[in-house]
Amino acid sequence: MPPQGPNPFVYIFPAVLLLGAALYFGYGALDRAALATKTVATVVTGKQFSKGSTTYHTTIVGNQSLVQGDRNPDAYVVLFAVDGEATGGAVTPELYESLQAGDSVHVRYRRTRLSNRIVVTEVSR
C-alpha cells in the first residue's frame, strides 16, 4: 500500500515553531511597549566599574579566516534602590567620579508590565 501523502509532522513542526516564536516576541512586546516613565529621588548605595575589553570572533570569507574584534567600552554604573528594589544605572565617567555613596540622585525609570522589572533610562544629580 503506497503512502497517502506527506508525514503530518512536516506541517505540525513548523507550526509549533512559528507559534513559539510568536508567543516569545508577543510577550516581549506586551511586557515592554509604551511604558510610563517615572522619576524618583533616591540615594546612591555604591558604584561599579567594568573595564572595557575586546571580543574577537572569526569569520570565514572566501575560504579565508578573518579575525574581527569588537570593542566593549568601559561601563560606569551607579547603584541605588528604587521602590525598595536594588538596581543600578549607567552614567557618564564625569558623573561617576563626582558621586559617592550617600549622594542624592534623580532616576528616570520604567517598570515592565508582566515581568515587573525596573528599566533605568536616566540618572542625574
PDB file of N, CA and C in Angstrom:
ATOM      1  N   MET A   1       0.827  -1.164   0.000  1.00  0.00           N
ATOM      2  CA  MET A   1       0.000   0.000   0.000  1.00  0.00           C
ATOM      3  C   MET A   1       0.887   1.249   0.000  1.00  0.00           C
ATOM      4  N   PRO A   2       0.727   2.124  -0.982  1.00  0.00           N
ATOM      5  CA  PRO A   2       1.558   3.333  -1.064  1.00  0.00           C
ATOM      6  C   PRO A   2       1.137   4.358  -0.001  1.00  0.00           C
ATOM      7  N   PRO A   3       2.080   5.240   0.402  1.00  0.00           N
ATOM      8  CA  PRO A   3       1.750   6.264   1.404  1.00  0.00           C
ATOM      9  C   PRO A   3       0.682   7.221   0.874  1.00  0.00           C
ATOM     10  N   GLN A   4      -0.097   7.788   1.762  1.00  0.00           N
ATOM     11  CA  GLN A   4      -1.211   8.659   1.407  1.00  0.00           C
ATOM     12  C   GLN A   4      -0.852  10.142   1.438  1.00  0.00           C
ATOM     13  N   GLY A   5       0.363  10.504   1.329  1.00  0.00           N
ATOM     14  CA  GLY A   5       0.787  11.908   1.359  1.00  0.00           C
ATOM     15  C   GLY A   5       1.940  12.090   2.332  1.00  0.00           C
ATOM     16  N   PRO A   6       2.346  13.331   2.502  1.00  0.00           N
ATOM     17  CA  PRO A   6       3.489  13.584   3.400  1.00  0.00           C
ATOM     18  C   PRO A   6       3.123  13.326   4.859  1.00  0.00           C
ATOM     19  N   ASN A   7       4.151  13.078   5.612  1.00  0.00           N
ATOM     20  CA  ASN A   7       4.008  12.858   7.044  1.00  0.00           C
ATOM     21  C   ASN A   7       3.414  14.124   7.681  1.00  0.00           C
ATOM     22  N   PRO A   8       2.398  14.030   8.540  1.00  0.00           N
ATOM     23  CA  PRO A   8       1.797  15.219   9.161  1.00  0.00           C
ATOM     24  C   PRO A   8       2.788  16.024  10.003  1.00  0.00           C
ATOM     25  N   PHE A   9       3.866  15.385  10.457  1.00  0.00           N
ATOM     26  CA  PHE A   9       4.894  16.071  11.235  1.00  0.00           C
ATOM     27  C   PHE A   9       5.508  17.219  10.438  1.00  0.00           C
ATOM     28  N   VAL A  10       5.538  17.102   9.109  1.00  0.00           N
ATOM     29  CA  VAL A  10       6.090  18.142   8.240  1.00  0.00           C
ATOM     30  C   VAL A  10       5.310  19.446   8.411  1.00  0.00           C
ATOM     31  N   TYR A  11       4.036  19.378   8.710  1.00  0.00           N
ATOM     32  CA  TYR A  11       3.210  20.564   8.891  1.00  0.00           C
ATOM     33  C   TYR A  11       3.129  20.993  10.358  1.00  0.00           C
ATOM     34  N   ILE A  12       3.140  20.040  11.250  1.00  0.00           N
ATOM     35  CA  ILE A  12       2.975  20.335  12.674  1.00  0.00           C
ATOM     36  C   ILE A  12       4.219  21.011  13.247  1.00  0.00           C
ATOM     37  N   PHE A  13       5.402  20.512  12.923  1.00  0.00           N
ATOM     38  CA  PHE A  13       6.647  21.051  13.492  1.00  0.00           C
ATOM     39  C   PHE A  13       6.834  22.531  13.152  1.00  0.00           C
ATOM     40  N   PRO A  14       6.748  22.963  11.884  1.00  0.00           N
ATOM     41  CA  PRO A  14       6.894  24.403  11.614  1.00  0.00           C
ATOM     42  C   PRO A  14       5.803  25.246  12.270  1.00  0.00           C
ATOM     43  N   ALA A  15       4.592  24.717  12.367  1.00  0.00           N
ATOM     44  CA  ALA A  15       3.511  25.466  13.015  1.00  0.00           C
ATOM     45  C   ALA A  15       3.815  25.675  14.499  1.00  0.00           C
ATOM     46  N   VAL A  16       4.339  24.654  15.151  1.00  0.00           N
ATOM     47  CA  VAL A  16       4.694  24.775  16.564  1.00  0.00           C
ATOM     48  C   VAL A  16       5.839  25.780  16.734  1.00  0.00           C
ATOM     49  N   LEU A  17       6.837  25.745  15.849  1.00  0.00           N
ATOM     50  CA  LEU A  17       7.943  26.699  15.902  1.00  0.00           C
ATOM     51  C   LEU A  17       7.447  28.130  15.702  1.00  0.00           C
ATOM     52  N   LEU A  18       6.589  28.355  14.724  1.00  0.00           N
ATOM     53  CA  LEU A  18       6.055  29.693  14.482  1.00  0.00           C
ATOM     54  C   LEU A  18       5.226  30.185  15.664  1.00  0.00           C
ATOM     55  N   LEU A  19       4.422  29.310  16.238  1.00  0.00           N
ATOM     56  CA  LEU A  19       3.624  29.678  17.399  1.00  0.00           C
ATOM     57  C   LEU A  19       4.525  30.046  18.570  1.00  0.00           C
ATOM     58  N   GLY A  20       5.571  29.275  18.793  1.00  0.00           N
ATOM     59  CA  GLY A  20       6.517  29.563  19.877  1.00  0.00           C
ATOM     60  C   GLY A  20       7.210  30.903  19.673  1.00  0.00           C
ATOM     61  N   ALA A  21       7.655  31.184  18.450  1.00  0.00           N
ATOM     62  CA  ALA A  21       8.302  32.472  18.153  1.00  0.00           C
ATOM     63  C   ALA A  21       7.318  33.620  18.338  1.00  0.00           C
ATOM     64  N   ALA A  22       6.081  33.447  17.874  1.00  0.00           N
ATOM     65  CA  ALA A  22       5.065  34.494  18.025  1.00  0.00           C
ATOM     66  C   ALA A  22       4.771  34.760  19.504  1.00  0.00           C
ATOM     67  N   LEU A  23       4.673  33.720  20.314  1.00  0.00           N
ATOM     68  CA  LEU A  23       4.439  33.889  21.747  1.00  0.00           C
ATOM     69  C   LEU A  23       5.609  34.592  22.430  1.00  0.00           C
ATOM     70  N   TYR A  24       6.834  34.224  22.068  1.00  0.00           N
ATOM     71  CA  TYR A  24       8.031  34.821  22.660  1.00  0.00           C
ATOM     72  C   TYR A  24       8.095  36.316  22.366  1.00  0.00           C
ATOM     73  N   PHE A  25       7.979  36.688  21.087  1.00  0.00           N
ATOM     74  CA  PHE A  25       8.073  38.097  20.714  1.00  0.00           C
ATOM     75  C   PHE A  25       6.830  38.870  21.146  1.00  0.00           C
ATOM     76  N   GLY A  26       5.687  38.241  21.166  1.00  0.00           N
ATOM     77  CA  GLY A  26       4.473  38.886  21.656  1.00  0.00           C
ATOM     78  C   GLY A  26       4.575  39.211  23.135  1.00  0.00           C
ATOM     79  N   TYR A  27       5.119  38.284  23.923  1.00  0.00           N
ATOM     80  CA  TYR A  27       5.334  38.523  25.352  1.00  0.00           C
ATOM     81  C   TYR A  27       6.268  39.716  25.549  1.00  0.00           C
ATOM     82  N   GLY A  28       7.377  39.741  24.803  1.00  0.00           N
ATOM     83  CA  GLY A  28       8.336  40.844  24.926  1.00  0.00           C
ATOM     84  C   GLY A  28       7.713  42.179  24.569  1.00  0.00           C
ATOM     85  N   ALA A  29       6.922  42.208  23.505  1.00  0.00           N
ATOM     86  CA  ALA A  29       6.280  43.452  23.094  1.00  0.00           C
ATOM     87  C   ALA A  29       5.242  43.892  24.130  1.00  0.00           C
ATOM     88  N   LEU A  30       4.446  42.985  24.616  1.00  0.00           N
ATOM     89  CA  LEU A  30       3.428  43.317  25.611  1.00  0.00           C
ATOM     90  C   LEU A  30       4.068  43.765  26.922  1.00  0.00           C
ATOM     91  N   ASP A  31       5.194  43.166  27.288  1.00  0.00           N
ATOM     92  CA  ASP A  31       5.869  43.476  28.542  1.00  0.00           C
ATOM     93  C   ASP A  31       6.527  44.851  28.523  1.00  0.00           C
ATOM     94  N   ARG A  32       7.078  45.278  27.353  1.00  0.00           N
ATOM     95  CA  ARG A  32       7.908  46.470  27.318  1.00  0.00           C
ATOM     96  C   ARG A  32       7.388  47.622  26.471  1.00  0.00           C
ATOM     97  N   ALA A  33       6.319  47.463  25.723  1.00  0.00           N
ATOM     98  CA  ALA A  33       5.856  48.517  24.819  1.00  0.00           C
ATOM     99  C   ALA A  33       5.069  49.589  25.568  1.00  0.00           C
ATOM    100  N   ALA A  34       5.341  50.854  25.228  1.00  0.00           N
ATOM    101  CA  ALA A  34       4.596  52.016  25.719  1.00  0.00           C
ATOM    102  C   ALA A  34       4.486  52.058  27.241  1.00  0.00           C
ATOM    103  N   LEU A  35       5.620  51.944  27.926  1.00  0.00           N
ATOM    104  CA  LEU A  35       5.622  52.004  29.386  1.00  0.00           C
ATOM    105  C   LEU A  35       5.682  53.449  29.864  1.00  0.00           C
ATOM    106  N   ALA A  36       5.033  53.738  30.965  1.00  0.00           N
ATOM    107  CA  ALA A  36       5.073  55.073  31.561  1.00  0.00           C
ATOM    108  C   ALA A  36       6.425  55.273  32.244  1.00  0.00           C
ATOM    109  N   THR A  37       7.006  56.465  32.060  1.00  0.00           N
ATOM    110  CA  THR A  37       8.276  56.806  32.695  1.00  0.00           C
ATOM    111  C   THR A  37       8.005  57.526  34.000  1.00  0.00           C
ATOM    112  N   LYS A  38       8.695  57.097  35.048  1.00  0.00           N
ATOM    113  CA  LYS A  38       8.554  57.715  36.369  1.00  0.00           C
ATOM    114  C   LYS A  38       9.898  58.287  36.797  1.00  0.00           C
ATOM    115  N   THR A  39       9.857  59.317  37.624  1.00  0.00           N
ATOM    116  CA  THR A  39      11.079  59.913  38.164  1.00  0.00           C
ATOM    117  C   THR A  39      11.018  59.820  39.683  1.00  0.00           C
ATOM    118  N   VAL A  40      12.142  59.436  40.290  1.00  0.00           N
ATOM    119  CA  VAL A  40      12.209  59.296  41.741  1.00  0.00           C
ATOM    120  C   VAL A  40      13.565  59.826  42.216  1.00  0.00           C
ATOM    121  N   ALA A  41      13.566  60.430  43.407  1.00  0.00           N
ATOM    122  CA  ALA A  41      14.819  60.835  44.046  1.00  0.00           C
ATOM    123  C   ALA A  41      15.242  59.686  44.949  1.00  0.00           C
ATOM    124  N   THR A  42      16.504  59.298  44.843  1.00  0.00           N
ATOM    125  CA  THR A  42      17.000  58.174  45.645  1.00  0.00           C
ATOM    126  C   THR A  42      18.438  58.447  46.056  1.00  0.00           C
ATOM    127  N   VAL A  43      19.012  57.557  46.824  1.00  0.00           N
ATOM    128  CA  VAL A  43      20.355  57.725  47.365  1.00  0.00           C
ATOM    129  C   VAL A  43      21.279  56.659  46.785  1.00  0.00           C
ATOM    130  N   VAL A  44      22.481  57.081  46.393  1.00  0.00           N
ATOM    131  CA  VAL A  44      23.484  56.161  45.857  1.00  0.00           C
ATOM    132  C   VAL A  44      23.950  55.226  46.967  1.00  0.00           C
ATOM    133  N   THR A  45      23.927  53.917  46.685  1.00  0.00           N
ATOM    134  CA  THR A  45      24.388  52.933  47.670  1.00  0.00           C
ATOM    135  C   THR A  45      25.760  52.359  47.323  1.00  0.00           C
ATOM    136  N   GLY A  46      26.221  52.585  46.095  1.00  0.00           N
ATOM    137  CA  GLY A  46      27.525  52.072  45.697  1.00  0.00           C
ATOM    138  C   GLY A  46      27.797  52.378  44.236  1.00  0.00           C
ATOM    139  N   LYS A  47      28.981  51.979  43.795  1.00  0.00           N
ATOM    140  CA  LYS A  47      29.391  52.192  42.405  1.00  0.00           C
ATOM    141  C   LYS A  47      30.094  50.939  41.907  1.00  0.00           C
ATOM    142  N   GLN A  48      29.974  50.693  40.591  1.00  0.00           N
ATOM    143  CA  GLN A  48      30.682  49.578  39.960  1.00  0.00           C
ATOM    144  C   GLN A  48      31.327  50.077  38.681  1.00  0.00           C
ATOM    145  N   PHE A  49      32.542  49.610  38.430  1.00  0.00           N
ATOM    146  CA  PHE A  49      33.248  49.948  37.199  1.00  0.00           C
ATOM    147  C   PHE A  49      33.684  48.660  36.512  1.00  0.00           C
ATOM    148  N   SER A  50      33.366  48.536  35.240  1.00  0.00           N
ATOM    149  CA  SER A  50      33.822  47.383  34.453  1.00  0.00           C
ATOM    150  C   SER A  50      34.727  47.892  33.351  1.00  0.00           C
ATOM    151  N   LYS A  51      35.972  47.447  33.391  1.00  0.00           N
ATOM    152  CA  LYS A  51      36.949  47.885  32.388  1.00  0.00           C
ATOM    153  C   LYS A  51      36.562  47.355  31.018  1.00  0.00           C
ATOM    154  N   GLY A  52      36.764  48.174  30.015  1.00  0.00           N
ATOM    155  CA  GLY A  52      36.478  47.773  28.643  1.00  0.00           C
ATOM    156  C   GLY A  52      37.356  46.620  28.200  1.00  0.00           C
ATOM    157  N   SER A  53      36.915  45.937  27.173  1.00  0.00           N
ATOM    158  CA  SER A  53      37.657  44.789  26.654  1.00  0.00           C
ATOM    159  C   SER A  53      37.400  44.681  25.158  1.00  0.00           C
ATOM    160  N   THR A  54      38.038  43.715  24.562  1.00  0.00           N
ATOM    161  CA  THR A  54      37.823  43.437  23.145  1.00  0.00           C
ATOM    162  C   THR A  54      37.415  41.978  22.992  1.00  0.00           C
ATOM    163  N   THR A  55      36.347  41.760  22.259  1.00  0.00           N
ATOM    164  CA  THR A  55      35.872  40.415  21.973  1.00  0.00           C
ATOM    165  C   THR A  55      36.217  40.093  20.530  1.00  0.00           C
ATOM    166  N   TYR A  56      36.814  38.935  20.305  1.00  0.00           N
ATOM    167  CA  TYR A  56      37.223  38.545  18.961  1.00  0.00           C
ATOM    168  C   TYR A  56      36.341  37.416  18.439  1.00  0.00           C
ATOM    169  N   HIS A  57      36.056  37.451  17.159  1.00  0.00           N
ATOM    170  CA  HIS A  57      35.351  36.342  16.522  1.00  0.00           C
ATOM    171  C   HIS A  57      35.922  36.150  15.123  1.00  0.00           C
ATOM    172  N   THR A  58      35.849  34.932  14.650  1.00  0.00           N
ATOM    173  CA  THR A  58      36.410  34.568  13.354  1.00  0.00           C
ATOM    174  C   THR A  58      35.292  34.359  12.345  1.00  0.00           C
ATOM    175  N   THR A  59      35.459  34.956  11.182  1.00  0.00           N
ATOM    176  CA  THR A  59      34.504  34.815  10.093  1.00  0.00           C
ATOM    177  C   THR A  59      35.235  34.215   8.896  1.00  0.00           C
ATOM    178  N   ILE A  60      34.617  33.258   8.238  1.00  0.00           N
ATOM    179  CA  ILE A  60      35.192  32.663   7.034  1.00  0.00           C
ATOM    180  C   ILE A  60      34.688  33.461   5.833  1.00  0.00           C
ATOM    181  N   VAL A  61      35.616  34.076   5.105  1.00  0.00           N
ATOM    182  CA  VAL A  61      35.277  34.875   3.925  1.00  0.00           C
ATOM    183  C   VAL A  61      36.134  34.387   2.764  1.00  0.00           C
ATOM    184  N   GLY A  62      35.481  33.921   1.723  1.00  0.00           N
ATOM    185  CA  GLY A  62      36.226  33.473   0.544  1.00  0.00           C
ATOM    186  C   GLY A  62      37.253  32.413   0.860  1.00  0.00           C
ATOM    187  N   ASN A  63      36.892  31.473   1.713  1.00  0.00           N
ATOM    188  CA  ASN A  63      37.780  30.369   2.090  1.00  0.00           C
ATOM    189  C   ASN A  63      38.978  30.828   2.921  1.00  0.00           C
ATOM    190  N   GLN A  64      38.905  32.004   3.525  1.00  0.00           N
ATOM    191  CA  GLN A  64      39.964  32.506   4.394  1.00  0.00           C
ATOM    192  C   GLN A  64      39.359  32.906   5.732  1.00  0.00           C
ATOM    193  N   SER A  65      40.129  32.707   6.779  1.00  0.00           N
ATOM    194  CA  SER A  65      39.688  33.112   8.111  1.00  0.00           C
ATOM    195  C   SER A  65      39.996  34.586   8.324  1.00  0.00           C
ATOM    196  N   LEU A  66      38.987  35.329   8.759  1.00  0.00           N
ATOM    197  CA  LEU A  66      39.154  36.745   9.041  1.00  0.00           C
ATOM    198  C   LEU A  66      38.793  36.955  10.514  1.00  0.00           C
ATOM    199  N   VAL A  67      39.765  37.397  11.307  1.00  0.00           N
ATOM    200  CA  VAL A  67      39.539  37.643  12.728  1.00  0.00           C
ATOM    201  C   VAL A  67      39.136  39.101  12.909  1.00  0.00           C
ATOM    202  N   GLN A  68      37.983  39.308  13.554  1.00  0.00           N
ATOM    203  CA  GLN A  68      37.480  40.653  13.770  1.00  0.00           C
ATOM    204  C   GLN A  68      37.323  40.896  15.266  1.00  0.00           C
ATOM    205  N   GLY A  69      37.605  42.109  15.679  1.00  0.00           N
ATOM    206  CA  GLY A  69      37.486  42.461  17.086  1.00  0.00           C
ATOM    207  C   GLY A  69      36.382  43.480  17.304  1.00  0.00           C
ATOM    208  N   ASP A  70      35.627  43.295  18.358  1.00  0.00           N
ATOM    209  CA  ASP A  70      34.591  44.250  18.766  1.00  0.00           C
ATOM    210  C   ASP A  70      35.004  44.839  20.102  1.00  0.00           C
ATOM    211  N   ARG A  71      35.076  46.165  20.156  1.00  0.00           N
ATOM    212  CA  ARG A  71      35.478  46.847  21.386  1.00  0.00           C
ATOM    213  C   ARG A  71      34.271  47.026  22.297  1.00  0.00           C
ATOM    214  N   ASN A  72      34.413  46.577  23.530  1.00  0.00           N
ATOM    215  CA  ASN A  72      33.406  46.782  24.568  1.00  0.00           C
ATOM    216  C   ASN A  72      33.887  47.945  25.436  1.00  0.00           C
ATOM    217  N   PRO A  73      33.134  49.036  25.514  1.00  0.00           N
ATOM    218  CA  PRO A  73      33.608  50.214  26.254  1.00  0.00           C
ATOM    219  C   PRO A  73      33.573  49.999  27.772  1.00  0.00           C
ATOM    220  N   ASP A  74      34.245  50.916  28.486  1.00  0.00           N
ATOM    221  CA  ASP A  74      34.171  50.913  29.943  1.00  0.00           C
ATOM    222  C   ASP A  74      32.722  51.136  30.363  1.00  0.00           C
ATOM    223  N   ALA A  75      32.324  50.527  31.468  1.00  0.00           N
ATOM    224  CA  ALA A  75      30.966  50.698  31.983  1.00  0.00           C
ATOM    225  C   ALA A  75      31.041  51.313  33.378  1.00  0.00           C
ATOM    226  N   TYR A  76      30.382  52.458  33.533  1.00  0.00           N
ATOM    227  CA  TYR A  76      30.305  53.160  34.806  1.00  0.00           C
ATOM    228  C   TYR A  76      28.867  53.030  35.319  1.00  0.00           C
ATOM    229  N   VAL A  77      28.686  52.321  36.431  1.00  0.00           N
ATOM    230  CA  VAL A  77      27.344  52.034  36.950  1.00  0.00           C
ATOM    231  C   VAL A  77      27.239  52.542  38.380  1.00  0.00           C
ATOM    232  N   VAL A  78      26.134  53.240  38.652  1.00  0.00           N
ATOM    233  CA  VAL A  78      25.831  53.723  39.995  1.00  0.00           C
ATOM    234  C   VAL A  78      24.704  52.853  40.546  1.00  0.00           C
ATOM    235  N   LEU A  79      24.865  52.389  41.781  1.00  0.00           N
ATOM    236  CA  LEU A  79      23.873  51.511  42.412  1.00  0.00           C
ATOM    237  C   LEU A  79      22.985  52.311  43.351  1.00  0.00           C
ATOM    238  N   PHE A  80      21.700  51.948  43.393  1.00  0.00           N
ATOM    239  CA  PHE A  80      20.723  52.612  44.259  1.00  0.00           C
ATOM    240  C   PHE A  80      19.513  51.709  44.391  1.00  0.00           C
ATOM    241  N   ALA A  81      18.521  52.142  45.152  1.00  0.00           N
ATOM    242  CA  ALA A  81      17.289  51.373  45.330  1.00  0.00           C
ATOM    243  C   ALA A  81      16.114  52.193  44.796  1.00  0.00           C
ATOM    244  N   VAL A  82      15.237  51.528  44.052  1.00  0.00           N
ATOM    245  CA  VAL A  82      14.004  52.134  43.544  1.00  0.00           C
ATOM    246  C   VAL A  82      12.848  51.281  44.036  1.00  0.00           C
ATOM    247  N   ASP A  83      11.923  51.899  44.730  1.00  0.00           N
ATOM    248  CA  ASP A  83      10.777  51.178  45.313  1.00  0.00           C
ATOM    249  C   ASP A  83      11.232  49.992  46.176  1.00  0.00           C
ATOM    250  N   GLY A  84      12.328  50.174  46.889  1.00  0.00           N
ATOM    251  CA  GLY A  84      12.838  49.126  47.764  1.00  0.00           C
ATOM    252  C   GLY A  84      13.600  48.023  47.060  1.00  0.00           C
ATOM    253  N   GLU A  85      13.762  48.126  45.752  1.00  0.00           N
ATOM    254  CA  GLU A  85      14.458  47.098  44.968  1.00  0.00           C
ATOM    255  C   GLU A  85      15.822  47.622  44.517  1.00  0.00           C
ATOM    256  N   ALA A  86      16.878  46.893  44.846  1.00  0.00           N
ATOM    257  CA  ALA A  86      18.234  47.298  44.469  1.00  0.00           C
ATOM    258  C   ALA A  86      18.403  47.196  42.960  1.00  0.00           C
ATOM    259  N   THR A  87      18.934  48.261  42.363  1.00  0.00           N
ATOM    260  CA  THR A  87      19.168  48.290  40.927  1.00  0.00           C
ATOM    261  C   THR A  87      20.305  49.262  40.652  1.00  0.00           C
ATOM    262  N   GLY A  88      20.573  49.537  39.419  1.00  0.00           N
ATOM    263  CA  GLY A  88      21.646  50.452  39.057  1.00  0.00           C
ATOM    264  C   GLY A  88      21.413  51.035  37.692  1.00  0.00           C
ATOM    265  N   GLY A  89      22.183  52.064  37.374  1.00  0.00           N
ATOM    266  CA  GLY A  89      22.060  52.711  36.076  1.00  0.00           C
ATOM    267  C   GLY A  89      23.412  53.169  35.573  1.00  0.00           C
ATOM    268  N   ALA A  90      23.583  53.128  34.260  1.00  0.00           N
ATOM    269  CA  ALA A  90      24.825  53.576  33.639  1.00  0.00           C
ATOM    270  C   ALA A  90      24.886  55.097  33.639  1.00  0.00           C
ATOM    271  N   VAL A  91      26.069  55.633  33.902  1.00  0.00           N
ATOM    272  CA  VAL A  91      26.275  57.080  33.933  1.00  0.00           C
ATOM    273  C   VAL A  91      27.542  57.428  33.162  1.00  0.00           C
ATOM    274  N   THR A  92      27.737  58.718  32.930  1.00  0.00           N
ATOM    275  CA  THR A  92      28.953  59.190  32.270  1.00  0.00           C
ATOM    276  C   THR A  92      30.129  59.064  33.236  1.00  0.00           C
ATOM    277  N   PRO A  93      31.354  59.014  32.726  1.00  0.00           N
ATOM    278  CA  PRO A  93      32.509  58.942  33.631  1.00  0.00           C
ATOM    279  C   PRO A  93      32.591  60.149  34.578  1.00  0.00           C
ATOM    280  N   GLU A  94      32.203  61.325  34.094  1.00  0.00           N
ATOM    281  CA  GLU A  94      32.259  62.527  34.935  1.00  0.00           C
ATOM    282  C   GLU A  94      31.290  62.415  36.118  1.00  0.00           C
ATOM    283  N   LEU A  95      30.051  61.979  35.845  1.00  0.00           N
ATOM    284  CA  LEU A  95      29.074  61.821  36.911  1.00  0.00           C
ATOM    285  C   LEU A  95      29.495  60.710  37.867  1.00  0.00           C
ATOM    286  N   TYR A  96      30.053  59.641  37.329  1.00  0.00           N
ATOM    287  CA  TYR A  96      30.527  58.518  38.146  1.00  0.00           C
ATOM    288  C   TYR A  96      31.568  58.999  39.157  1.00  0.00           C
ATOM    289  N   GLU A  97      32.523  59.817  38.693  1.00  0.00           N
ATOM    290  CA  GLU A  97      33.591  60.311  39.571  1.00  0.00           C
ATOM    291  C   GLU A  97      33.054  61.279  40.617  1.00  0.00           C
ATOM    292  N   SER A  98      32.006  62.042  40.280  1.00  0.00           N
ATOM    293  CA  SER A  98      31.506  63.053  41.216  1.00  0.00           C
ATOM    294  C   SER A  98      30.574  62.468  42.285  1.00  0.00           C
ATOM    295  N   LEU A  99      30.048  61.274  42.074  1.00  0.00           N
ATOM    296  CA  LEU A  99      29.103  60.679  43.026  1.00  0.00           C
ATOM    297  C   LEU A  99      29.809  59.782  44.037  1.00  0.00           C
ATOM    298  N   GLN A 100      29.287  59.798  45.255  1.00  0.00           N
ATOM    299  CA  GLN A 100      29.767  58.922  46.321  1.00  0.00           C
ATOM    300  C   GLN A 100      28.551  58.275  46.984  1.00  0.00           C
ATOM    301  N   ALA A 101      28.767  57.203  47.722  1.00  0.00           N
ATOM    302  CA  ALA A 101      27.673  56.559  48.454  1.00  0.00           C
ATOM    303  C   ALA A 101      27.046  57.581  49.404  1.00  0.00           C
ATOM    304  N   GLY A 102      25.718  57.644  49.397  1.00  0.00           N
ATOM    305  CA  GLY A 102      25.001  58.593  50.238  1.00  0.00           C
ATOM    306  C   GLY A 102      24.553  59.840  49.492  1.00  0.00           C
ATOM    307  N   ASP A 103      25.088  60.082  48.288  1.00  0.00           N
ATOM    308  CA  ASP A 103      24.669  61.240  47.498  1.00  0.00           C
ATOM    309  C   ASP A 103      23.272  61.015  46.933  1.00  0.00           C
ATOM    310  N   SER A 104      22.541  62.106  46.758  1.00  0.00           N
ATOM    311  CA  SER A 104      21.189  62.033  46.216  1.00  0.00           C
ATOM    312  C   SER A 104      21.228  62.137  44.688  1.00  0.00           C
ATOM    313  N   VAL A 105      20.434  61.314  44.012  1.00  0.00           N
ATOM    314  CA  VAL A 105      20.325  61.352  42.549  1.00  0.00           C
ATOM    315  C   VAL A 105      18.855  61.258  42.145  1.00  0.00           C
ATOM    316  N   HIS A 106      18.573  61.725  40.943  1.00  0.00           N
ATOM    317  CA  HIS A 106      17.238  61.589  40.357  1.00  0.00           C
ATOM    318  C   HIS A 106      17.316  60.503  39.293  1.00  0.00           C
ATOM    319  N   VAL A 107      16.387  59.577  39.351  1.00  0.00           N
ATOM    320  CA  VAL A 107      16.398  58.422  38.449  1.00  0.00           C
ATOM    321  C   VAL A 107      15.097  58.398  37.661  1.00  0.00           C
ATOM    322  N   ARG A 108      15.208  58.299  36.334  1.00  0.00           N
ATOM    323  CA  ARG A 108      14.044  58.075  35.481  1.00  0.00           C
ATOM    324  C   ARG A 108      14.034  56.594  35.140  1.00  0.00           C
ATOM    325  N   TYR A 109      12.889  55.965  35.311  1.00  0.00           N
ATOM    326  CA  TYR A 109      12.812  54.526  35.089  1.00  0.00           C
ATOM    327  C   TYR A 109      11.437  54.130  34.586  1.00  0.00           C
ATOM    328  N   ARG A 110      11.368  52.911  34.097  1.00  0.00           N
ATOM    329  CA  ARG A 110      10.114  52.296  33.678  1.00  0.00           C
ATOM    330  C   ARG A 110      10.017  50.935  34.347  1.00  0.00           C
ATOM    331  N   ARG A 111       8.819  50.519  34.689  1.00  0.00           N
ATOM    332  CA  ARG A 111       8.618  49.190  35.245  1.00  0.00           C
ATOM    333  C   ARG A 111       7.833  48.372  34.224  1.00  0.00           C
ATOM    334  N   THR A 112       8.372  47.212  33.855  1.00  0.00           N
ATOM    335  CA  THR A 112       7.722  46.375  32.848  1.00  0.00           C
ATOM    336  C   THR A 112       6.417  45.808  33.389  1.00  0.00           C
ATOM    337  N   ARG A 113       5.498  45.529  32.481  1.00  0.00           N
ATOM    338  CA  ARG A 113       4.154  45.105  32.877  1.00  0.00           C
ATOM    339  C   ARG A 113       4.115  43.697  33.469  1.00  0.00           C
ATOM    340  N   LEU A 114       4.634  42.732  32.757  1.00  0.00           N
ATOM    341  CA  LEU A 114       4.465  41.331  33.143  1.00  0.00           C
ATOM    342  C   LEU A 114       5.590  40.824  34.035  1.00  0.00           C
ATOM    343  N   SER A 115       6.836  41.141  33.700  1.00  0.00           N
ATOM    344  CA  SER A 115       7.961  40.650  34.493  1.00  0.00           C
ATOM    345  C   SER A 115       8.261  41.554  35.692  1.00  0.00           C
ATOM    346  N   ASN A 116       7.671  42.752  35.736  1.00  0.00           N
ATOM    347  CA  ASN A 116       7.812  43.688  36.847  1.00  0.00           C
ATOM    348  C   ASN A 116       9.259  44.090  37.096  1.00  0.00           C
ATOM    349  N   ARG A 117      10.063  44.138  36.043  1.00  0.00           N
ATOM    350  CA  ARG A 117      11.467  44.556  36.151  1.00  0.00           C
ATOM    351  C   ARG A 117      11.574  46.070  36.068  1.00  0.00           C
ATOM    352  N   ILE A 118      12.629  46.632  36.659  1.00  0.00           N
ATOM    353  CA  ILE A 118      12.901  48.060  36.575  1.00  0.00           C
ATOM    354  C   ILE A 118      13.904  48.275  35.444  1.00  0.00           C
ATOM    355  N   VAL A 119      13.573  49.199  34.534  1.00  0.00           N
ATOM    356  CA  VAL A 119      14.459  49.560  33.434  1.00  0.00           C
ATOM    357  C   VAL A 119      14.851  51.019  33.644  1.00  0.00           C
ATOM    358  N   VAL A 120      16.089  51.275  34.049  1.00  0.00           N
ATOM    359  CA  VAL A 120      16.562  52.635  34.305  1.00  0.00           C
ATOM    360  C   VAL A 120      16.922  53.289  32.984  1.00  0.00           C
ATOM    361  N   THR A 121      16.355  54.487  32.737  1.00  0.00           N
ATOM    362  CA  THR A 121      16.623  55.189  31.482  1.00  0.00           C
ATOM    363  C   THR A 121      17.573  56.366  31.652  1.00  0.00           C
ATOM    364  N   GLU A 122      17.627  56.950  32.864  1.00  0.00           N
ATOM    365  CA  GLU A 122      18.490  58.111  33.060  1.00  0.00           C
ATOM    366  C   GLU A 122      18.797  58.291  34.539  1.00  0.00           C
ATOM    367  N   VAL A 123      20.046  58.675  34.841  1.00  0.00           N
ATOM    368  CA  VAL A 123      20.461  59.000  36.197  1.00  0.00           C
ATOM    369  C   VAL A 123      21.102  60.386  36.154  1.00  0.00           C
ATOM    370  N   SER A 124      20.629  61.296  37.014  1.00  0.00           N
ATOM    371  CA  SER A 124      21.188  62.649  37.052  1.00  0.00           C
ATOM    372  C   SER A 124      21.228  63.149  38.490  1.00  0.00           C
ATOM    373  N   ARG A 125      21.972  64.229  38.716  1.00  0.00           N
ATOM    374  CA  ARG A 125      22.052  64.817  40.056  1.00  0.00           C
ATOM    375  C   ARG A 125      20.802  65.542  40.401  1.00  0.00           C
TER     376      ARG A 125
END
